[in-house]
Amino acid sequence: MTVPPDLSSFRSDGAPGGGAWAALHASAVVAPLPAVGAVRLTGPDRSDFLHGQAAADVRTAPPGGSVRTLFLDVKGHARWEARVQRRKDDLHLAVEDGAAAAVAAHLSRHVIFDAVEVHDLSGTLATVTVQGPRVDAVLAALGTGVPEADRFVAVPFENGELLIHPARRSEAGGVDVHLLAPQRPAVLEALQRAGAVG
């Protein structure tokens, strides 16, 4: 479903062996993920409602849990992919492939008597990924490390917070970082200052 970003394109000549390509295999690379959008579910029925719409059982995830799921069509074919972060007061969906608006519209159409609200936050939140064998060292500058599988961490940053969860978008793996869109330049700068190549 999800195609990892072509991080080799960070090299001006497009050839592997240096720059971000070398960092991806020996250090860490940070890259924006503009095709990852955000949907937020609030309301007391949010978990049961999403359980009825998604392939994975998001109800079993504890607060701080992260679940990868698909949304299927009536024939059982995969339409959209998302990762769900269960927070105390809401569910955060990181939707792949530029499909956040479509997922939000789909979920909104299925709200009938459910006490749930669907919010498309694609213009409000942004996502970057940090990949490579030294991701832990880069995240240490933010006061955290790579979360355990199927978990996420919320890290204060300026006047907001960063939502960080494991994401394997390269051979070495790494994390995705969700943030307020206006904070993206500051977050990228902080990650690069910590050693990530951008």
N, C-alpha and C. Protein backbone atom coordinates (compact mmCIF):
# COMPACT_ATOMS: atom_id res chain seq x y z
N MET A 1 0.83 -1.20 0.00
CA MET A 1 0.00 0.00 0.00
C MET A 1 0.87 1.26 0.00
N THR A 2 1.64 1.45 1.06
CA THR A 2 2.41 2.69 1.19
C THR A 2 3.76 2.54 0.53
N VAL A 3 4.11 3.49 -0.32
CA VAL A 3 5.41 3.49 -0.99
C VAL A 3 6.32 4.42 -0.20
N PRO A 4 7.46 3.92 0.31
CA PRO A 4 8.37 4.79 1.05
C PRO A 4 8.87 5.91 0.16
N PRO A 5 9.15 7.08 0.74
CA PRO A 5 9.69 8.17 -0.08
C PRO A 5 11.03 7.79 -0.69
N ASP A 6 11.27 8.27 -1.91
CA ASP A 6 12.52 7.98 -2.60
C ASP A 6 13.60 8.91 -2.06
N LEU A 7 14.22 8.50 -0.96
CA LEU A 7 15.19 9.35 -0.30
C LEU A 7 16.46 9.53 -1.11
N SER A 8 16.68 8.67 -2.11
CA SER A 8 17.87 8.85 -2.94
C SER A 8 17.76 10.13 -3.77
N SER A 9 16.54 10.64 -3.95
CA SER A 9 16.38 11.85 -4.75
C SER A 9 16.93 13.08 -4.05
N PHE A 10 17.31 12.96 -2.79
CA PHE A 10 17.93 14.08 -2.10
C PHE A 10 19.30 14.40 -2.69
N ARG A 11 19.91 13.42 -3.37
CA ARG A 11 21.19 13.71 -4.03
C ARG A 11 20.96 14.43 -5.33
N SER A 12 21.73 15.45 -5.57
CA SER A 12 21.52 16.26 -6.76
C SER A 12 21.69 15.46 -8.05
N ASP A 13 22.59 14.46 -8.02
CA ASP A 13 22.82 13.69 -9.24
C ASP A 13 21.99 12.42 -9.28
N GLY A 14 21.20 12.16 -8.22
CA GLY A 14 20.32 11.01 -8.21
C GLY A 14 21.01 9.69 -7.98
N ALA A 15 22.33 9.69 -7.77
CA ALA A 15 23.07 8.44 -7.61
C ALA A 15 23.30 8.16 -6.13
N PRO A 16 23.24 6.87 -5.73
CA PRO A 16 23.50 6.54 -4.33
C PRO A 16 24.97 6.70 -3.99
N GLY A 17 25.26 6.69 -2.68
CA GLY A 17 26.65 6.67 -2.27
C GLY A 17 27.09 7.86 -1.46
N GLY A 18 26.27 8.88 -1.31
CA GLY A 18 26.66 10.05 -0.54
C GLY A 18 25.45 10.83 -0.09
N GLY A 19 25.68 11.95 0.61
CA GLY A 19 24.58 12.81 1.03
C GLY A 19 23.56 12.07 1.86
N ALA A 20 22.29 12.31 1.55
CA ALA A 20 21.21 11.69 2.31
C ALA A 20 21.18 10.17 2.13
N TRP A 21 21.62 9.70 0.95
CA TRP A 21 21.64 8.25 0.73
C TRP A 21 22.57 7.57 1.72
N ALA A 22 23.76 8.15 1.91
CA ALA A 22 24.71 7.58 2.86
C ALA A 22 24.17 7.70 4.28
N ALA A 23 23.54 8.84 4.59
CA ALA A 23 22.99 9.04 5.94
C ALA A 23 21.89 8.04 6.24
N LEU A 24 21.11 7.69 5.23
CA LEU A 24 20.02 6.74 5.42
C LEU A 24 20.55 5.38 5.87
N HIS A 25 21.76 5.04 5.43
CA HIS A 25 22.33 3.73 5.76
C HIS A 25 23.31 3.77 6.93
N ALA A 26 23.80 4.98 7.27
CA ALA A 26 24.80 5.06 8.33
C ALA A 26 24.39 5.98 9.47
N SER A 27 23.45 6.86 9.24
CA SER A 27 23.07 7.84 10.26
C SER A 27 21.55 7.99 10.30
N ALA A 28 21.02 9.13 9.87
CA ALA A 28 19.58 9.35 9.87
C ALA A 28 19.24 10.43 8.86
N VAL A 29 18.09 10.30 8.25
CA VAL A 29 17.57 11.25 7.28
C VAL A 29 16.21 11.72 7.74
N VAL A 30 15.91 13.00 7.58
CA VAL A 30 14.56 13.52 7.85
C VAL A 30 13.97 14.01 6.54
N ALA A 31 12.71 13.66 6.28
CA ALA A 31 12.05 14.05 5.04
C ALA A 31 10.58 14.34 5.32
N PRO A 32 10.03 15.38 4.71
CA PRO A 32 8.60 15.65 4.87
C PRO A 32 7.77 14.58 4.15
N LEU A 33 6.59 14.34 4.67
CA LEU A 33 5.65 13.39 4.06
C LEU A 33 4.34 14.13 3.75
N PRO A 34 4.30 14.92 2.69
CA PRO A 34 3.12 15.73 2.41
C PRO A 34 1.87 14.92 2.09
N ALA A 35 2.02 13.64 1.70
CA ALA A 35 0.86 12.83 1.38
C ALA A 35 0.21 12.19 2.61
N VAL A 36 0.81 12.36 3.79
CA VAL A 36 0.20 11.84 5.02
C VAL A 36 -0.67 12.94 5.62
N GLY A 37 -1.96 12.68 5.71
CA GLY A 37 -2.91 13.63 6.27
C GLY A 37 -3.43 13.16 7.61
N ALA A 38 -4.19 14.01 8.26
CA ALA A 38 -4.65 13.71 9.62
C ALA A 38 -6.17 13.83 9.73
N VAL A 39 -6.76 12.85 10.41
CA VAL A 39 -8.18 12.87 10.76
C VAL A 39 -8.28 12.63 12.25
N ARG A 40 -9.14 13.39 12.91
CA ARG A 40 -9.32 13.27 14.36
C ARG A 40 -10.75 12.89 14.66
N LEU A 41 -10.92 11.91 15.55
CA LEU A 41 -12.24 11.50 16.00
C LEU A 41 -12.39 11.83 17.48
N THR A 42 -13.48 12.49 17.83
CA THR A 42 -13.78 12.80 19.22
C THR A 42 -15.18 12.29 19.54
N GLY A 43 -15.50 12.28 20.82
CA GLY A 43 -16.82 11.82 21.26
C GLY A 43 -16.74 10.46 21.94
N PRO A 44 -17.69 10.15 22.83
CA PRO A 44 -17.61 8.92 23.62
C PRO A 44 -17.73 7.63 22.81
N ASP A 45 -18.30 7.70 21.60
CA ASP A 45 -18.46 6.49 20.79
C ASP A 45 -17.34 6.31 19.76
N ARG A 46 -16.29 7.11 19.85
CA ARG A 46 -15.30 7.12 18.77
C ARG A 46 -14.65 5.76 18.53
N SER A 47 -14.32 5.03 19.60
CA SER A 47 -13.63 3.74 19.40
C SER A 47 -14.56 2.70 18.79
N ASP A 48 -15.76 2.59 19.31
CA ASP A 48 -16.72 1.63 18.76
C ASP A 48 -17.08 2.00 17.32
N PHE A 49 -17.24 3.29 17.06
CA PHE A 49 -17.57 3.73 15.70
C PHE A 49 -16.47 3.35 14.73
N LEU A 50 -15.22 3.68 15.07
CA LEU A 50 -14.11 3.38 14.16
C LEU A 50 -13.93 1.87 14.00
N HIS A 51 -14.18 1.12 15.07
CA HIS A 51 -14.10 -0.35 14.97
C HIS A 51 -15.03 -0.87 13.88
N GLY A 52 -16.18 -0.24 13.74
CA GLY A 52 -17.14 -0.68 12.72
C GLY A 52 -16.76 -0.27 11.31
N GLN A 53 -15.77 0.61 11.17
CA GLN A 53 -15.39 1.11 9.86
C GLN A 53 -14.03 0.61 9.38
N ALA A 54 -13.16 0.23 10.32
CA ALA A 54 -11.78 -0.13 9.98
C ALA A 54 -11.57 -1.63 10.11
N ALA A 55 -10.53 -2.14 9.46
CA ALA A 55 -10.26 -3.58 9.47
C ALA A 55 -9.69 -4.05 10.79
N ALA A 56 -8.89 -3.23 11.46
CA ALA A 56 -8.26 -3.63 12.72
C ALA A 56 -9.18 -3.28 13.89
N ASP A 57 -9.00 -3.98 15.00
CA ASP A 57 -9.78 -3.71 16.21
C ASP A 57 -9.06 -2.63 17.01
N VAL A 58 -9.45 -1.39 16.80
CA VAL A 58 -8.79 -0.28 17.50
C VAL A 58 -9.22 -0.21 18.96
N ARG A 59 -10.27 -0.95 19.33
CA ARG A 59 -10.75 -0.89 20.72
C ARG A 59 -9.76 -1.53 21.68
N THR A 60 -8.93 -2.42 21.19
CA THR A 60 -7.99 -3.13 22.08
C THR A 60 -6.75 -2.30 22.38
N ALA A 61 -6.54 -1.21 21.65
CA ALA A 61 -5.35 -0.39 21.88
C ALA A 61 -5.53 0.44 23.15
N PRO A 62 -4.59 0.40 24.07
CA PRO A 62 -4.68 1.23 25.27
C PRO A 62 -4.34 2.67 24.94
N PRO A 63 -4.62 3.61 25.83
CA PRO A 63 -4.13 4.97 25.62
C PRO A 63 -2.60 4.94 25.43
N GLY A 64 -2.13 5.61 24.42
CA GLY A 64 -0.72 5.53 24.07
C GLY A 64 -0.43 4.44 23.05
N GLY A 65 -1.48 3.70 22.64
CA GLY A 65 -1.32 2.63 21.67
C GLY A 65 -1.48 3.12 20.24
N SER A 66 -0.85 2.43 19.31
CA SER A 66 -0.87 2.78 17.90
C SER A 66 -1.20 1.53 17.09
N VAL A 67 -2.19 1.64 16.21
CA VAL A 67 -2.68 0.48 15.46
C VAL A 67 -2.69 0.81 13.97
N ARG A 68 -2.10 -0.04 13.17
CA ARG A 68 -2.14 0.12 11.72
C ARG A 68 -3.40 -0.57 11.19
N THR A 69 -4.11 0.09 10.29
CA THR A 69 -5.36 -0.49 9.81
C THR A 69 -5.61 -0.12 8.37
N LEU A 70 -6.59 -0.78 7.78
CA LEU A 70 -7.06 -0.49 6.43
C LEU A 70 -8.55 -0.17 6.48
N PHE A 71 -9.00 0.59 5.50
CA PHE A 71 -10.42 0.78 5.27
C PHE A 71 -10.77 0.04 3.99
N LEU A 72 -11.80 -0.79 4.04
CA LEU A 72 -12.13 -1.68 2.93
C LEU A 72 -13.40 -1.22 2.23
N ASP A 73 -13.54 -1.62 0.96
CA ASP A 73 -14.80 -1.37 0.27
C ASP A 73 -15.75 -2.54 0.53
N VAL A 74 -16.93 -2.50 -0.08
CA VAL A 74 -17.95 -3.52 0.21
C VAL A 74 -17.54 -4.90 -0.26
N LYS A 75 -16.56 -4.98 -1.15
CA LYS A 75 -16.07 -6.27 -1.63
C LYS A 75 -14.84 -6.75 -0.85
N GLY A 76 -14.45 -6.00 0.16
CA GLY A 76 -13.31 -6.39 0.98
C GLY A 76 -11.97 -5.98 0.42
N HIS A 77 -11.97 -5.12 -0.59
CA HIS A 77 -10.71 -4.63 -1.17
C HIS A 77 -10.22 -3.42 -0.38
N ALA A 78 -8.91 -3.35 -0.20
CA ALA A 78 -8.33 -2.23 0.54
C ALA A 78 -8.48 -0.93 -0.25
N ARG A 79 -8.98 0.10 0.42
CA ARG A 79 -9.11 1.43 -0.21
C ARG A 79 -8.09 2.42 0.36
N TRP A 80 -7.98 2.46 1.68
CA TRP A 80 -7.11 3.44 2.33
C TRP A 80 -6.37 2.78 3.48
N GLU A 81 -5.20 3.31 3.76
CA GLU A 81 -4.38 2.82 4.87
C GLU A 81 -4.18 3.95 5.88
N ALA A 82 -4.20 3.61 7.15
CA ALA A 82 -4.00 4.62 8.19
C ALA A 82 -3.36 3.98 9.42
N ARG A 83 -2.77 4.82 10.24
CA ARG A 83 -2.31 4.39 11.55
C ARG A 83 -3.08 5.21 12.57
N VAL A 84 -3.65 4.51 13.55
CA VAL A 84 -4.51 5.14 14.56
C VAL A 84 -3.74 5.25 15.87
N GLN A 85 -3.66 6.46 16.40
CA GLN A 85 -3.09 6.69 17.73
C GLN A 85 -4.22 6.94 18.71
N ARG A 86 -4.28 6.13 19.75
CA ARG A 86 -5.33 6.30 20.75
C ARG A 86 -4.83 7.20 21.87
N ARG A 87 -5.41 8.40 21.96
CA ARG A 87 -5.06 9.33 23.02
C ARG A 87 -6.21 9.37 24.04
N LYS A 88 -6.00 10.12 25.10
CA LYS A 88 -6.98 10.13 26.19
C LYS A 88 -8.34 10.63 25.72
N ASP A 89 -8.35 11.68 24.91
CA ASP A 89 -9.61 12.33 24.55
C ASP A 89 -9.97 12.22 23.08
N ASP A 90 -9.16 11.53 22.28
CA ASP A 90 -9.48 11.42 20.86
C ASP A 90 -8.72 10.27 20.22
N LEU A 91 -9.02 10.04 18.95
CA LEU A 91 -8.27 9.12 18.11
C LEU A 91 -7.66 9.95 16.98
N HIS A 92 -6.35 9.80 16.80
CA HIS A 92 -5.65 10.50 15.72
C HIS A 92 -5.36 9.48 14.62
N LEU A 93 -5.82 9.75 13.41
CA LEU A 93 -5.59 8.88 12.27
C LEU A 93 -4.58 9.55 11.33
N ALA A 94 -3.45 8.91 11.11
CA ALA A 94 -2.48 9.37 10.11
C ALA A 94 -2.77 8.58 8.84
N VAL A 95 -3.35 9.26 7.86
CA VAL A 95 -3.87 8.60 6.65
C VAL A 95 -2.86 8.76 5.52
N GLU A 96 -2.52 7.65 4.87
CA GLU A 96 -1.51 7.63 3.82
C GLU A 96 -2.09 8.06 2.47
N ASP A 97 -1.17 8.35 1.54
CA ASP A 97 -1.47 8.50 0.11
C ASP A 97 -2.43 9.64 -0.21
N GLY A 98 -2.40 10.71 0.57
CA GLY A 98 -3.24 11.86 0.28
C GLY A 98 -4.72 11.62 0.40
N ALA A 99 -5.10 10.63 1.21
CA ALA A 99 -6.51 10.22 1.27
C ALA A 99 -7.24 10.70 2.52
N ALA A 100 -6.66 11.63 3.28
CA ALA A 100 -7.30 12.05 4.53
C ALA A 100 -8.70 12.62 4.29
N ALA A 101 -8.86 13.47 3.29
CA ALA A 101 -10.17 14.07 3.02
C ALA A 101 -11.18 13.00 2.65
N ALA A 102 -10.76 12.02 1.86
CA ALA A 102 -11.67 10.93 1.46
C ALA A 102 -12.07 10.09 2.66
N VAL A 103 -11.11 9.80 3.55
CA VAL A 103 -11.42 9.03 4.75
C VAL A 103 -12.36 9.81 5.67
N ALA A 104 -12.09 11.10 5.85
CA ALA A 104 -12.96 11.92 6.70
C ALA A 104 -14.38 11.97 6.14
N ALA A 105 -14.51 12.12 4.82
CA ALA A 105 -15.83 12.15 4.20
C ALA A 105 -16.54 10.80 4.36
N HIS A 106 -15.79 9.73 4.17
CA HIS A 106 -16.35 8.38 4.31
C HIS A 106 -16.87 8.16 5.73
N LEU A 107 -16.06 8.52 6.72
CA LEU A 107 -16.48 8.33 8.11
C LEU A 107 -17.68 9.21 8.44
N SER A 108 -17.67 10.44 7.98
CA SER A 108 -18.78 11.37 8.27
C SER A 108 -20.09 10.85 7.72
N ARG A 109 -20.05 10.22 6.55
CA ARG A 109 -21.28 9.68 5.95
C ARG A 109 -21.88 8.56 6.79
N HIS A 110 -21.05 7.89 7.58
CA HIS A 110 -21.53 6.74 8.34
C HIS A 110 -21.90 7.08 9.78
N VAL A 111 -21.77 8.34 10.16
CA VAL A 111 -22.21 8.76 11.50
C VAL A 111 -23.72 8.93 11.45
N ILE A 112 -24.42 8.12 12.23
CA ILE A 112 -25.89 8.20 12.26
C ILE A 112 -26.35 8.58 13.66
N PHE A 113 -26.38 7.61 14.56
CA PHE A 113 -26.74 7.90 15.94
C PHE A 113 -25.53 7.87 16.86
N ASP A 114 -24.34 7.77 16.27
CA ASP A 114 -23.12 7.67 17.07
C ASP A 114 -22.74 9.03 17.65
N ALA A 115 -22.31 9.01 18.90
CA ALA A 115 -21.79 10.23 19.55
C ALA A 115 -20.32 10.37 19.19
N VAL A 116 -20.08 10.84 17.97
CA VAL A 116 -18.72 10.97 17.46
C VAL A 116 -18.66 12.14 16.49
N GLU A 117 -17.55 12.85 16.48
CA GLU A 117 -17.32 13.92 15.53
C GLU A 117 -16.05 13.63 14.74
N VAL A 118 -16.09 13.91 13.45
CA VAL A 118 -14.97 13.65 12.54
C VAL A 118 -14.38 14.98 12.09
N HIS A 119 -13.07 15.14 12.25
CA HIS A 119 -12.39 16.38 11.89
C HIS A 119 -11.26 16.08 10.92
N ASP A 120 -11.27 16.70 9.75
CA ASP A 120 -10.16 16.60 8.80
C ASP A 120 -9.14 17.67 9.16
N LEU A 121 -7.97 17.26 9.64
CA LEU A 121 -6.94 18.19 10.09
C LEU A 121 -5.76 18.28 9.12
N SER A 122 -6.01 17.93 7.87
CA SER A 122 -4.91 17.90 6.91
C SER A 122 -4.22 19.25 6.76
N GLY A 123 -4.95 20.34 6.87
CA GLY A 123 -4.33 21.65 6.76
C GLY A 123 -3.73 22.14 8.06
N THR A 124 -4.05 21.44 9.14
CA THR A 124 -3.60 21.87 10.48
C THR A 124 -2.34 21.15 10.91
N LEU A 125 -2.25 19.86 10.60
CA LEU A 125 -1.12 19.04 11.00
C LEU A 125 -0.26 18.70 9.79
N ALA A 126 0.98 18.38 10.06
CA ALA A 126 1.92 17.92 9.02
C ALA A 126 2.68 16.72 9.57
N THR A 127 3.38 16.02 8.69
CA THR A 127 4.14 14.83 9.08
C THR A 127 5.51 14.85 8.43
N VAL A 128 6.52 14.48 9.21
CA VAL A 128 7.86 14.22 8.66
C VAL A 128 8.26 12.82 9.13
N THR A 129 9.18 12.22 8.42
CA THR A 129 9.70 10.92 8.84
C THR A 129 11.19 11.03 9.09
N VAL A 130 11.68 10.30 10.08
CA VAL A 130 13.11 10.22 10.37
C VAL A 130 13.49 8.75 10.25
N GLN A 131 14.41 8.46 9.34
CA GLN A 131 14.77 7.08 9.03
C GLN A 131 16.28 6.90 9.11
N GLY A 132 16.70 5.70 9.53
CA GLY A 132 18.12 5.38 9.56
C GLY A 132 18.53 4.75 10.88
N PRO A 133 19.74 4.20 10.95
CA PRO A 133 20.16 3.47 12.14
C PRO A 133 20.43 4.35 13.36
N ARG A 134 20.54 5.68 13.19
CA ARG A 134 20.83 6.55 14.32
C ARG A 134 19.63 7.43 14.70
N VAL A 135 18.44 6.93 14.44
CA VAL A 135 17.23 7.69 14.77
C VAL A 135 17.15 7.96 16.27
N ASP A 136 17.52 6.97 17.09
CA ASP A 136 17.47 7.15 18.55
C ASP A 136 18.31 8.35 18.98
N ALA A 137 19.50 8.49 18.40
CA ALA A 137 20.38 9.60 18.77
C ALA A 137 19.77 10.94 18.37
N VAL A 138 19.09 10.97 17.22
CA VAL A 138 18.45 12.21 16.79
C VAL A 138 17.28 12.56 17.71
N LEU A 139 16.48 11.56 18.07
CA LEU A 139 15.32 11.82 18.93
C LEU A 139 15.74 12.20 20.35
N ALA A 140 16.92 11.79 20.75
CA ALA A 140 17.39 12.15 22.09
C ALA A 140 17.44 13.66 22.26
N ALA A 141 17.68 14.39 21.18
CA ALA A 141 17.70 15.85 21.25
C ALA A 141 16.33 16.42 21.57
N LEU A 142 15.28 15.63 21.30
CA LEU A 142 13.91 16.05 21.63
C LEU A 142 13.48 15.51 22.98
N GLY A 143 14.37 14.79 23.65
CA GLY A 143 14.06 14.25 24.97
C GLY A 143 13.31 12.94 24.93
N THR A 144 13.42 12.18 23.85
CA THR A 144 12.72 10.90 23.75
C THR A 144 13.56 9.94 22.92
N GLY A 145 13.01 8.76 22.68
CA GLY A 145 13.64 7.75 21.83
C GLY A 145 12.59 7.12 20.95
N VAL A 146 12.96 6.07 20.24
CA VAL A 146 11.99 5.36 19.39
C VAL A 146 11.03 4.60 20.28
N PRO A 147 9.73 4.85 20.17
CA PRO A 147 8.76 4.12 21.01
C PRO A 147 8.76 2.63 20.67
N GLU A 148 8.22 1.85 21.60
CA GLU A 148 8.03 0.42 21.34
C GLU A 148 7.05 0.23 20.20
N ALA A 149 7.09 -0.96 19.60
CA ALA A 149 6.14 -1.28 18.54
C ALA A 149 4.71 -1.10 19.05
N ASP A 150 3.86 -0.56 18.20
CA ASP A 150 2.44 -0.35 18.52
C ASP A 150 2.24 0.61 19.69
N ARG A 151 3.19 1.53 19.87
CA ARG A 151 3.05 2.60 20.87
C ARG A 151 3.43 3.92 20.22
N PHE A 152 3.06 5.02 20.85
CA PHE A 152 3.52 6.33 20.41
C PHE A 152 3.86 7.16 21.64
N VAL A 153 4.59 8.23 21.44
CA VAL A 153 4.89 9.17 22.51
C VAL A 153 4.49 10.57 22.06
N ALA A 154 4.05 11.39 23.01
CA ALA A 154 3.74 12.79 22.77
C ALA A 154 4.82 13.62 23.45
N VAL A 155 5.52 14.44 22.67
CA VAL A 155 6.66 15.21 23.17
C VAL A 155 6.35 16.69 23.04
N PRO A 156 6.39 17.46 24.14
CA PRO A 156 6.16 18.90 24.04
C PRO A 156 7.18 19.55 23.11
N PHE A 157 6.69 20.49 22.30
CA PHE A 157 7.58 21.24 21.40
C PHE A 157 6.99 22.62 21.19
N GLU A 158 7.71 23.63 21.65
CA GLU A 158 7.25 25.01 21.57
C GLU A 158 5.83 25.10 22.15
N ASN A 159 4.85 25.59 21.37
CA ASN A 159 3.50 25.75 21.92
C ASN A 159 2.57 24.60 21.54
N GLY A 160 3.16 23.47 21.19
CA GLY A 160 2.35 22.31 20.84
C GLY A 160 3.04 21.04 21.30
N GLU A 161 2.75 19.92 20.61
CA GLU A 161 3.43 18.68 20.92
C GLU A 161 3.63 17.87 19.65
N LEU A 162 4.63 17.03 19.69
CA LEU A 162 4.93 16.12 18.59
C LEU A 162 4.40 14.74 18.93
N LEU A 163 3.76 14.11 17.97
CA LEU A 163 3.27 12.74 18.13
C LEU A 163 4.21 11.84 17.34
N ILE A 164 4.92 10.93 18.01
CA ILE A 164 5.98 10.14 17.38
C ILE A 164 5.66 8.65 17.53
N HIS A 165 5.69 7.92 16.42
CA HIS A 165 5.48 6.47 16.48
C HIS A 165 6.40 5.77 15.49
N PRO A 166 6.73 4.50 15.76
CA PRO A 166 7.61 3.76 14.83
C PRO A 166 6.99 3.66 13.44
N ALA A 167 7.83 3.79 12.43
CA ALA A 167 7.37 3.66 11.04
C ALA A 167 8.53 3.16 10.21
N ARG A 168 8.34 2.02 9.58
CA ARG A 168 9.43 1.44 8.77
C ARG A 168 9.26 1.86 7.32
N ARG A 169 9.93 2.94 6.96
CA ARG A 169 9.89 3.44 5.59
C ARG A 169 11.26 3.28 4.90
N SER A 170 12.13 2.53 5.54
CA SER A 170 13.45 2.25 4.99
C SER A 170 13.91 0.92 5.57
N GLU A 171 15.05 0.43 5.07
CA GLU A 171 15.58 -0.84 5.57
C GLU A 171 15.88 -0.77 7.07
N ALA A 172 16.45 0.34 7.52
CA ALA A 172 16.79 0.48 8.93
C ALA A 172 15.60 0.83 9.81
N GLY A 173 14.55 1.38 9.21
CA GLY A 173 13.39 1.79 9.98
C GLY A 173 13.57 3.16 10.61
N GLY A 174 12.54 3.59 11.32
CA GLY A 174 12.60 4.90 11.95
C GLY A 174 11.27 5.26 12.56
N VAL A 175 10.93 6.54 12.51
CA VAL A 175 9.68 7.03 13.11
C VAL A 175 9.03 8.04 12.18
N ASP A 176 7.72 8.19 12.34
CA ASP A 176 7.00 9.32 11.77
C ASP A 176 6.72 10.31 12.89
N VAL A 177 6.78 11.58 12.58
CA VAL A 177 6.56 12.65 13.55
C VAL A 177 5.43 13.53 13.04
N HIS A 178 4.33 13.59 13.80
CA HIS A 178 3.19 14.43 13.44
C HIS A 178 3.25 15.70 14.27
N LEU A 179 2.99 16.83 13.64
CA LEU A 179 3.21 18.12 14.28
C LEU A 179 2.26 19.16 13.71
N LEU A 180 2.15 20.29 14.40
CA LEU A 180 1.40 21.41 13.87
C LEU A 180 2.10 21.94 12.62
N ALA A 181 1.34 22.16 11.55
CA ALA A 181 1.94 22.55 10.28
C ALA A 181 2.86 23.78 10.39
N PRO A 182 2.48 24.83 11.13
CA PRO A 182 3.39 25.99 11.21
C PRO A 182 4.71 25.67 11.90
N GLN A 183 4.77 24.57 12.64
CA GLN A 183 6.00 24.23 13.36
C GLN A 183 6.97 23.40 12.52
N ARG A 184 6.59 23.03 11.31
CA ARG A 184 7.43 22.13 10.54
C ARG A 184 8.84 22.67 10.32
N PRO A 185 9.02 23.96 9.93
CA PRO A 185 10.40 24.44 9.76
C PRO A 185 11.23 24.32 11.04
N ALA A 186 10.62 24.63 12.20
CA ALA A 186 11.36 24.55 13.47
C ALA A 186 11.69 23.11 13.83
N VAL A 187 10.75 22.19 13.56
CA VAL A 187 10.99 20.77 13.85
C VAL A 187 12.09 20.23 12.95
N LEU A 188 12.03 20.55 11.66
CA LEU A 188 13.07 20.10 10.74
C LEU A 188 14.44 20.64 11.16
N GLU A 189 14.47 21.90 11.57
CA GLU A 189 15.73 22.49 12.01
C GLU A 189 16.27 21.78 13.25
N ALA A 190 15.38 21.48 14.20
CA ALA A 190 15.80 20.80 15.43
C ALA A 190 16.34 19.41 15.12
N LEU A 191 15.68 18.69 14.21
CA LEU A 191 16.12 17.33 13.87
C LEU A 191 17.44 17.37 13.12
N GLN A 192 17.61 18.35 12.25
CA GLN A 192 18.86 18.46 11.51
C GLN A 192 20.00 18.88 12.45
N ARG A 193 19.69 19.75 13.41
CA ARG A 193 20.70 20.15 14.38
C ARG A 193 21.15 18.95 15.21
N ALA A 194 20.23 17.98 15.40
CA ALA A 194 20.55 16.77 16.16
C ALA A 194 21.28 15.73 15.34
N GLY A 195 21.48 15.99 14.04
CA GLY A 195 22.29 15.09 13.25
C GLY A 195 21.60 14.47 12.05
N ALA A 196 20.29 14.70 11.88
CA ALA A 196 19.60 14.14 10.71
C ALA A 196 19.91 14.96 9.47
N VAL A 197 20.10 14.29 8.36
CA VAL A 197 20.32 14.96 7.08
C VAL A 197 18.98 15.22 6.44
N GLY A 198 18.77 16.45 5.96
CA GLY A 198 17.48 16.80 5.36
C GLY A 198 17.64 17.23 3.92
